[in-house]
C-alpha cells in the first residue's frame, strides 16, 4: 500500500479511537499538519491562547520532516494507538 493510501486509511481509523490523551491528540495534530501543509508558519499564538499555543508547538516539533515521513509517522502512531 502506498504511503498516501495508508495515510488516508489512518485518517479514517483515527476517528474510531477513543480515550486519547491530550498529548496523543497533539502528536496526531502535529503530524497531520506537517504531512498536509509542511513546516509551521505564521505567528505563534499569544500566551492567553493556550489551546492554539499547544497546537502550534505540536506542529513545530515536526518541523523539517518531509510530508512522506510525517505520513509514515502518523500511520505508525495510529496503528500503535489502535492496538
C-alpha atoms as a PDB file:
ATOM      1  CA  UNK A   1       0.000   0.000   0.000  1.00  0.00           C
ATOM      2  CA  UNK A   2       1.341   3.433  -0.871  1.00  0.00           C
ATOM      3  CA  UNK A   3       2.131   5.902   1.884  1.00  0.00           C
ATOM      4  CA  UNK A   4      -0.703   8.211   0.771  1.00  0.00           C
ATOM      5  CA  UNK A   5      -3.258   5.378   0.800  1.00  0.00           C
ATOM      6  CA  UNK A   6      -2.067   4.213   4.223  1.00  0.00           C
ATOM      7  CA  UNK A   7      -2.314   7.811   5.473  1.00  0.00           C
ATOM      8  CA  UNK A   8      -5.851   8.164   4.106  1.00  0.00           C
ATOM      9  CA  UNK A   9      -6.835   4.917   5.834  1.00  0.00           C
ATOM     10  CA  UNK A  10      -5.251   6.087   9.101  1.00  0.00           C
ATOM     11  CA  UNK A  11      -7.320   9.284   8.883  1.00  0.00           C
ATOM     12  CA  UNK A  12     -10.436   7.107   8.814  1.00  0.00           C
ATOM     13  CA  UNK A  13      -9.178   4.776  11.539  1.00  0.00           C
ATOM     14  CA  UNK A  14      -8.283   7.587  13.935  1.00  0.00           C
ATOM     15  CA  UNK A  15     -11.953   8.571  14.135  1.00  0.00           C
ATOM     16  CA  UNK A  16     -12.673   5.186  15.735  1.00  0.00           C
ATOM     17  CA  UNK A  17     -10.208   5.765  18.574  1.00  0.00           C
ATOM     18  CA  UNK A  18     -11.436   6.904  21.939  1.00  0.00           C
ATOM     19  CA  UNK A  19      -9.850   7.842  25.245  1.00  0.00           C
ATOM     20  CA  UNK A  20      -6.864   9.578  23.684  1.00  0.00           C
ATOM     21  CA  UNK A  21      -4.807  11.813  25.938  1.00  0.00           C
ATOM     22  CA  UNK A  22      -4.164  15.444  25.090  1.00  0.00           C
ATOM     23  CA  UNK A  23      -0.530  14.565  24.333  1.00  0.00           C
ATOM     24  CA  UNK A  24      -1.603  11.882  21.859  1.00  0.00           C
ATOM     25  CA  UNK A  25      -4.087  14.243  20.202  1.00  0.00           C
ATOM     26  CA  UNK A  26      -1.440  16.943  19.895  1.00  0.00           C
ATOM     27  CA  UNK A  27       1.054  14.480  18.441  1.00  0.00           C
ATOM     28  CA  UNK A  28      -1.509  13.386  15.850  1.00  0.00           C
ATOM     29  CA  UNK A  29      -2.318  17.018  15.084  1.00  0.00           C
ATOM     30  CA  UNK A  30       1.329  17.976  14.590  1.00  0.00           C
ATOM     31  CA  UNK A  31       1.991  15.045  12.273  1.00  0.00           C
ATOM     32  CA  UNK A  32      -1.191  15.705  10.298  1.00  0.00           C
ATOM     33  CA  UNK A  33      -0.365  19.374   9.789  1.00  0.00           C
ATOM     34  CA  UNK A  34       3.229  18.567   8.786  1.00  0.00           C
ATOM     35  CA  UNK A  35       2.028  15.929   6.330  1.00  0.00           C
ATOM     36  CA  UNK A  36      -0.596  18.152   4.742  1.00  0.00           C
ATOM     37  CA  UNK A  37       0.873  21.672   4.983  1.00  0.00           C
ATOM     38  CA  UNK A  38       4.603  21.350   5.629  1.00  0.00           C
ATOM     39  CA  UNK A  39       6.585  23.360   8.156  1.00  0.00           C
ATOM     40  CA  UNK A  40       4.717  25.580  10.581  1.00  0.00           C
ATOM     41  CA  UNK A  41       4.272  29.182   9.534  1.00  0.00           C
ATOM     42  CA  UNK A  42       2.567  32.265  10.838  1.00  0.00           C
ATOM     43  CA  UNK A  43       2.855  33.967  14.193  1.00  0.00           C
ATOM     44  CA  UNK A  44       2.855  31.955  17.385  1.00  0.00           C
ATOM     45  CA  UNK A  45      -0.436  32.355  19.291  1.00  0.00           C
ATOM     46  CA  UNK A  46      -0.367  34.583  22.352  1.00  0.00           C
ATOM     47  CA  UNK A  47       0.158  33.198  25.833  1.00  0.00           C
ATOM     48  CA  UNK A  48      -3.541  33.509  26.668  1.00  0.00           C
ATOM     49  CA  UNK A  49      -4.459  31.208  23.767  1.00  0.00           C
ATOM     50  CA  UNK A  50      -3.404  28.002  25.498  1.00  0.00           C
ATOM     51  CA  UNK A  51      -5.058  25.646  23.017  1.00  0.00           C
ATOM     52  CA  UNK A  52      -3.691  27.471  19.975  1.00  0.00           C
ATOM     53  CA  UNK A  53      -0.229  27.649  21.523  1.00  0.00           C
ATOM     54  CA  UNK A  54      -0.214  23.904  22.283  1.00  0.00           C
ATOM     55  CA  UNK A  55      -1.254  23.076  18.712  1.00  0.00           C
ATOM     56  CA  UNK A  56       1.361  25.438  17.272  1.00  0.00           C
ATOM     57  CA  UNK A  57       4.082  23.843  19.419  1.00  0.00           C
ATOM     58  CA  UNK A  58       2.976  20.316  18.464  1.00  0.00           C
ATOM     59  CA  UNK A  59       3.298  21.269  14.792  1.00  0.00           C
ATOM     60  CA  UNK A  60       6.653  22.997  15.407  1.00  0.00           C
ATOM     61  CA  UNK A  61       8.064  19.739  16.839  1.00  0.00           C
ATOM     62  CA  UNK A  62       7.629  18.161  13.386  1.00  0.00           C
ATOM     63  CA  UNK A  63       9.499  20.957  11.573  1.00  0.00           C
ATOM     64  CA  UNK A  64      11.828  19.757   8.829  1.00  0.00           C
ATOM     65  CA  UNK A  65      10.104  16.403   8.429  1.00  0.00           C
ATOM     66  CA  UNK A  66       9.065  15.629   4.851  1.00  0.00           C
ATOM     67  CA  UNK A  67       5.398  15.090   4.063  1.00  0.00           C
ATOM     68  CA  UNK A  68       6.107  11.418   3.372  1.00  0.00           C
ATOM     69  CA  UNK A  69       7.924  10.911   6.702  1.00  0.00           C
ATOM     70  CA  UNK A  70       5.141  12.729   8.568  1.00  0.00           C
ATOM     71  CA  UNK A  71       2.533  10.499   6.894  1.00  0.00           C
ATOM     72  CA  UNK A  72       4.517   7.384   7.827  1.00  0.00           C
ATOM     73  CA  UNK A  73       4.818   8.567  11.439  1.00  0.00           C
ATOM     74  CA  UNK A  74       1.083   9.356  11.563  1.00  0.00           C
ATOM     75  CA  UNK A  75       0.183   5.891  10.245  1.00  0.00           C
ATOM     76  CA  UNK A  76       2.538   4.240  12.741  1.00  0.00           C
ATOM     77  CA  UNK A  77       1.093   6.238  15.644  1.00  0.00           C
ATOM     78  CA  UNK A  78      -2.499   5.388  14.686  1.00  0.00           C
ATOM     79  CA  UNK A  79      -1.573   1.690  14.470  1.00  0.00           C
ATOM     80  CA  UNK A  80       0.102   1.883  17.876  1.00  0.00           C
ATOM     81  CA  UNK A  81      -2.902   3.616  19.450  1.00  0.00           C
ATOM     82  CA  UNK A  82      -5.304   1.123  17.839  1.00  0.00           C
ATOM     83  CA  UNK A  83      -3.673  -1.907  19.416  1.00  0.00           C
END
